[in-house]
Amino acid sequence: MLIGYARGSTAGQNPDHQIDALLRADGDRDNIHVDTASVAKASRPKLDLVLP
């Protein structure tokens, strides 16, 4: 099972291109997690979820 992660730096950025690439790599939409976080923001809860 592939677990995917996509991130947009601001609420205005759309991670659809990243999600499309993950789906083309046989990712499952239910296992793709998306955060909206700036570079300076330390908290990325979806990233924490997918890391071992």
N, C-alpha and C. Protein backbone atom coordinates (compact mmCIF):
# COMPACT_ATOMS: atom_id res chain seq x y z
N MET A 1 0.84 -1.17 0.00
CA MET A 1 0.00 0.00 0.00
C MET A 1 0.89 1.24 0.00
N LEU A 2 0.59 2.16 -0.90
CA LEU A 2 1.29 3.44 -0.93
C LEU A 2 0.54 4.45 -0.07
N ILE A 3 1.30 5.24 0.66
CA ILE A 3 0.74 6.33 1.43
C ILE A 3 1.33 7.60 0.85
N GLY A 4 0.47 8.53 0.47
CA GLY A 4 0.93 9.75 -0.17
C GLY A 4 0.76 10.96 0.73
N TYR A 5 1.57 11.97 0.45
CA TYR A 5 1.51 13.23 1.20
C TYR A 5 1.69 14.38 0.23
N ALA A 6 0.80 15.34 0.31
CA ALA A 6 0.89 16.55 -0.51
C ALA A 6 0.78 17.76 0.42
N ARG A 7 1.42 18.86 -0.01
CA ARG A 7 1.42 20.05 0.84
C ARG A 7 1.29 21.30 -0.02
N GLY A 8 0.47 22.22 0.43
CA GLY A 8 0.41 23.55 -0.15
C GLY A 8 0.93 24.53 0.87
N SER A 9 1.64 25.55 0.41
CA SER A 9 2.23 26.51 1.35
C SER A 9 1.19 27.46 1.94
N THR A 10 0.15 27.73 1.18
CA THR A 10 -0.90 28.64 1.66
C THR A 10 -2.25 28.04 1.31
N ALA A 11 -3.28 28.57 1.91
CA ALA A 11 -4.64 28.08 1.62
C ALA A 11 -4.99 28.32 0.16
N GLY A 12 -4.36 29.30 -0.48
CA GLY A 12 -4.64 29.62 -1.87
C GLY A 12 -3.97 28.67 -2.86
N GLN A 13 -3.01 27.89 -2.42
CA GLN A 13 -2.33 26.96 -3.31
C GLN A 13 -3.11 25.66 -3.39
N ASN A 14 -3.19 25.12 -4.58
CA ASN A 14 -3.96 23.92 -4.82
C ASN A 14 -3.02 22.73 -5.01
N PRO A 15 -3.14 21.70 -4.18
CA PRO A 15 -2.24 20.54 -4.28
C PRO A 15 -2.72 19.50 -5.31
N ASP A 16 -3.67 19.85 -6.17
CA ASP A 16 -4.22 18.88 -7.12
C ASP A 16 -3.16 18.23 -8.00
N HIS A 17 -2.16 18.97 -8.44
CA HIS A 17 -1.11 18.39 -9.29
C HIS A 17 -0.32 17.32 -8.53
N GLN A 18 -0.06 17.59 -7.25
CA GLN A 18 0.65 16.61 -6.43
C GLN A 18 -0.21 15.36 -6.23
N ILE A 19 -1.49 15.57 -5.98
CA ILE A 19 -2.41 14.46 -5.78
C ILE A 19 -2.53 13.63 -7.05
N ASP A 20 -2.64 14.30 -8.20
CA ASP A 20 -2.71 13.59 -9.48
C ASP A 20 -1.47 12.72 -9.69
N ALA A 21 -0.30 13.25 -9.36
CA ALA A 21 0.93 12.48 -9.53
C ALA A 21 0.94 11.26 -8.60
N LEU A 22 0.45 11.42 -7.39
CA LEU A 22 0.38 10.30 -6.46
C LEU A 22 -0.60 9.23 -6.96
N LEU A 23 -1.72 9.67 -7.53
CA LEU A 23 -2.68 8.71 -8.07
C LEU A 23 -2.12 7.97 -9.28
N ARG A 24 -1.37 8.67 -10.12
CA ARG A 24 -0.73 8.02 -11.28
C ARG A 24 0.32 7.00 -10.85
N ALA A 25 0.87 7.18 -9.65
CA ALA A 25 1.87 6.25 -9.12
C ALA A 25 1.19 5.12 -8.35
N ASP A 26 -0.08 4.89 -8.66
CA ASP A 26 -0.88 3.83 -8.03
C ASP A 26 -1.21 4.12 -6.58
N GLY A 27 -1.26 5.39 -6.22
CA GLY A 27 -1.70 5.74 -4.88
C GLY A 27 -3.21 5.60 -4.77
N ASP A 28 -3.67 5.38 -3.59
CA ASP A 28 -5.10 5.25 -3.30
C ASP A 28 -5.56 6.57 -2.68
N ARG A 29 -6.60 7.16 -3.23
CA ARG A 29 -7.06 8.47 -2.75
C ARG A 29 -7.30 8.46 -1.23
N ASP A 30 -7.73 7.34 -0.69
CA ASP A 30 -7.98 7.26 0.76
C ASP A 30 -6.69 7.30 1.57
N ASN A 31 -5.55 7.07 0.93
CA ASN A 31 -4.26 7.08 1.62
C ASN A 31 -3.39 8.26 1.21
N ILE A 32 -4.00 9.30 0.66
CA ILE A 32 -3.28 10.54 0.34
C ILE A 32 -3.70 11.58 1.37
N HIS A 33 -2.72 12.12 2.05
CA HIS A 33 -2.96 13.08 3.13
C HIS A 33 -2.40 14.44 2.70
N VAL A 34 -3.16 15.50 2.99
CA VAL A 34 -2.80 16.84 2.52
C VAL A 34 -2.75 17.80 3.69
N ASP A 35 -1.66 18.57 3.76
CA ASP A 35 -1.51 19.65 4.74
C ASP A 35 -1.40 20.97 3.99
N THR A 36 -1.84 22.02 4.65
CA THR A 36 -1.57 23.38 4.19
C THR A 36 -0.68 23.99 5.25
N ALA A 37 0.58 24.20 4.91
CA ALA A 37 1.54 24.69 5.90
C ALA A 37 2.63 25.49 5.21
N SER A 38 2.97 26.60 5.79
CA SER A 38 4.08 27.38 5.27
C SER A 38 5.39 26.70 5.65
N VAL A 39 6.46 27.13 5.02
CA VAL A 39 7.77 26.56 5.31
C VAL A 39 8.12 26.77 6.78
N ALA A 40 7.75 27.91 7.33
CA ALA A 40 8.10 28.24 8.70
C ALA A 40 7.23 27.50 9.72
N LYS A 41 6.09 26.99 9.31
CA LYS A 41 5.19 26.33 10.24
C LYS A 41 5.75 24.96 10.64
N ALA A 42 5.89 24.74 11.91
CA ALA A 42 6.49 23.49 12.38
C ALA A 42 5.48 22.35 12.43
N SER A 43 4.21 22.66 12.66
CA SER A 43 3.21 21.62 12.81
C SER A 43 2.63 21.19 11.46
N ARG A 44 2.81 19.93 11.14
CA ARG A 44 2.23 19.35 9.93
C ARG A 44 1.59 18.02 10.33
N PRO A 45 0.36 18.08 10.85
CA PRO A 45 -0.25 16.89 11.42
C PRO A 45 -0.42 15.73 10.44
N LYS A 46 -0.70 16.01 9.18
CA LYS A 46 -0.86 14.91 8.21
C LYS A 46 0.48 14.26 7.90
N LEU A 47 1.55 15.03 7.88
CA LEU A 47 2.87 14.46 7.67
C LEU A 47 3.24 13.55 8.85
N ASP A 48 2.95 14.01 10.06
CA ASP A 48 3.21 13.20 11.23
C ASP A 48 2.45 11.88 11.16
N LEU A 49 1.25 11.92 10.59
CA LEU A 49 0.43 10.73 10.46
C LEU A 49 1.05 9.68 9.53
N VAL A 50 1.68 10.12 8.44
CA VAL A 50 2.20 9.17 7.46
C VAL A 50 3.63 8.72 7.74
N LEU A 51 4.35 9.42 8.59
CA LEU A 51 5.72 9.00 8.91
C LEU A 51 5.71 7.87 9.94
N PRO A 52 6.61 6.92 9.80
CA PRO A 52 6.66 5.82 10.77
C PRO A 52 7.10 6.26 12.14
